[in-house]
Amino acid sequence: MERIDFVGERYEVVTVRQFGRGAGSGVEVEMRIAQLYEVHDEKATRLHYYPDREMALTAAERLSREADQSA
């Protein structure tokens, strides 16, 4: 885990870096992704994956606005 961004009261964007090595080739790989968590009562109720932090933050901001408008 590299970073956590809190968006509104219900959304958290977690930026992670994953590492791996090819079983046959031995080639090392690295990938960064972003996870968007929706949280209710201190529990994650939904998880979305995005290819980067900016996309996840944009989605979290939109979802937060929509939740505020429907409240």
Protein backbone atom coordinates (compact mmCIF):
# COMPACT_ATOMS: atom_id res chain seq x y z
CA MET A 1 0.00 0.00 0.00
CA GLU A 2 1.40 3.36 -1.01
CA ARG A 3 -1.30 5.87 -0.16
CA ILE A 4 -4.85 6.31 1.18
CA ASP A 5 -7.10 9.21 0.16
CA PHE A 6 -10.37 9.82 1.99
CA VAL A 7 -13.18 11.25 -0.11
CA GLY A 8 -16.24 12.42 1.78
CA GLU A 9 -17.48 10.28 4.64
CA ARG A 10 -17.90 6.98 2.79
CA TYR A 11 -15.13 6.56 0.24
CA GLU A 12 -11.47 5.60 0.46
CA VAL A 13 -9.04 5.34 -2.45
CA VAL A 14 -6.08 3.07 -1.77
CA THR A 15 -3.12 3.11 -4.15
CA VAL A 16 -1.20 -0.18 -4.13
CA ARG A 17 1.86 -1.53 -5.87
CA GLN A 18 1.90 -5.21 -6.79
CA PHE A 19 5.00 -7.27 -7.52
CA GLY A 20 5.36 -10.66 -9.16
CA ARG A 21 7.75 -12.97 -10.94
CA GLY A 22 6.90 -15.19 -13.91
CA ALA A 23 6.86 -18.85 -12.86
CA GLY A 24 8.53 -20.06 -16.04
CA SER A 25 10.44 -17.00 -17.21
CA GLY A 26 11.49 -15.54 -13.89
CA VAL A 27 10.74 -12.08 -15.28
CA GLU A 28 9.87 -9.56 -12.59
CA VAL A 29 6.73 -7.47 -13.05
CA GLU A 30 5.36 -4.49 -11.16
CA MET A 31 1.96 -2.83 -11.41
CA ARG A 32 0.25 0.04 -9.62
CA ILE A 33 -3.52 0.05 -9.26
CA ALA A 34 -6.10 1.93 -7.22
CA GLN A 35 -8.86 0.43 -5.14
CA LEU A 36 -11.99 2.42 -4.30
CA TYR A 37 -13.73 1.27 -1.13
CA GLU A 38 -17.23 2.27 -0.12
CA VAL A 39 -17.53 2.14 3.67
CA HIS A 40 -20.65 1.92 5.87
CA ASP A 41 -20.57 1.47 9.64
CA GLU A 42 -16.76 1.14 9.52
CA LYS A 43 -16.98 -1.85 7.13
CA ALA A 44 -16.09 -2.01 3.45
CA THR A 45 -19.31 -2.76 1.58
CA ARG A 46 -18.12 -2.34 -2.00
CA LEU A 47 -14.78 -2.47 -3.82
CA HIS A 48 -13.93 -1.16 -7.28
CA TYR A 49 -10.58 -1.47 -9.09
CA TYR A 50 -9.12 1.27 -11.30
CA PRO A 51 -5.92 1.37 -13.36
CA ASP A 52 -4.72 4.54 -11.60
CA ARG A 53 -5.32 6.83 -8.64
CA GLU A 54 -6.74 9.72 -10.68
CA MET A 55 -9.52 7.57 -12.16
CA ALA A 56 -10.40 6.20 -8.72
CA LEU A 57 -10.47 9.68 -7.18
CA THR A 58 -12.71 10.97 -9.96
CA ALA A 59 -15.13 8.09 -9.39
CA ALA A 60 -15.06 8.58 -5.60
CA GLU A 61 -15.79 12.29 -5.94
CA ARG A 62 -18.71 11.59 -8.28
CA LEU A 63 -20.14 8.91 -5.98
CA SER A 64 -19.75 11.19 -2.96
CA ARG A 65 -21.60 14.03 -4.72
CA GLU A 66 -24.40 11.67 -5.78
CA ALA A 67 -24.73 10.35 -2.22
CA ASP A 68 -24.91 13.91 -0.86
CA GLN A 69 -27.59 14.89 -3.38
CA SER A 70 -29.79 11.90 -2.57
CA ALA A 71 -29.55 12.48 1.21
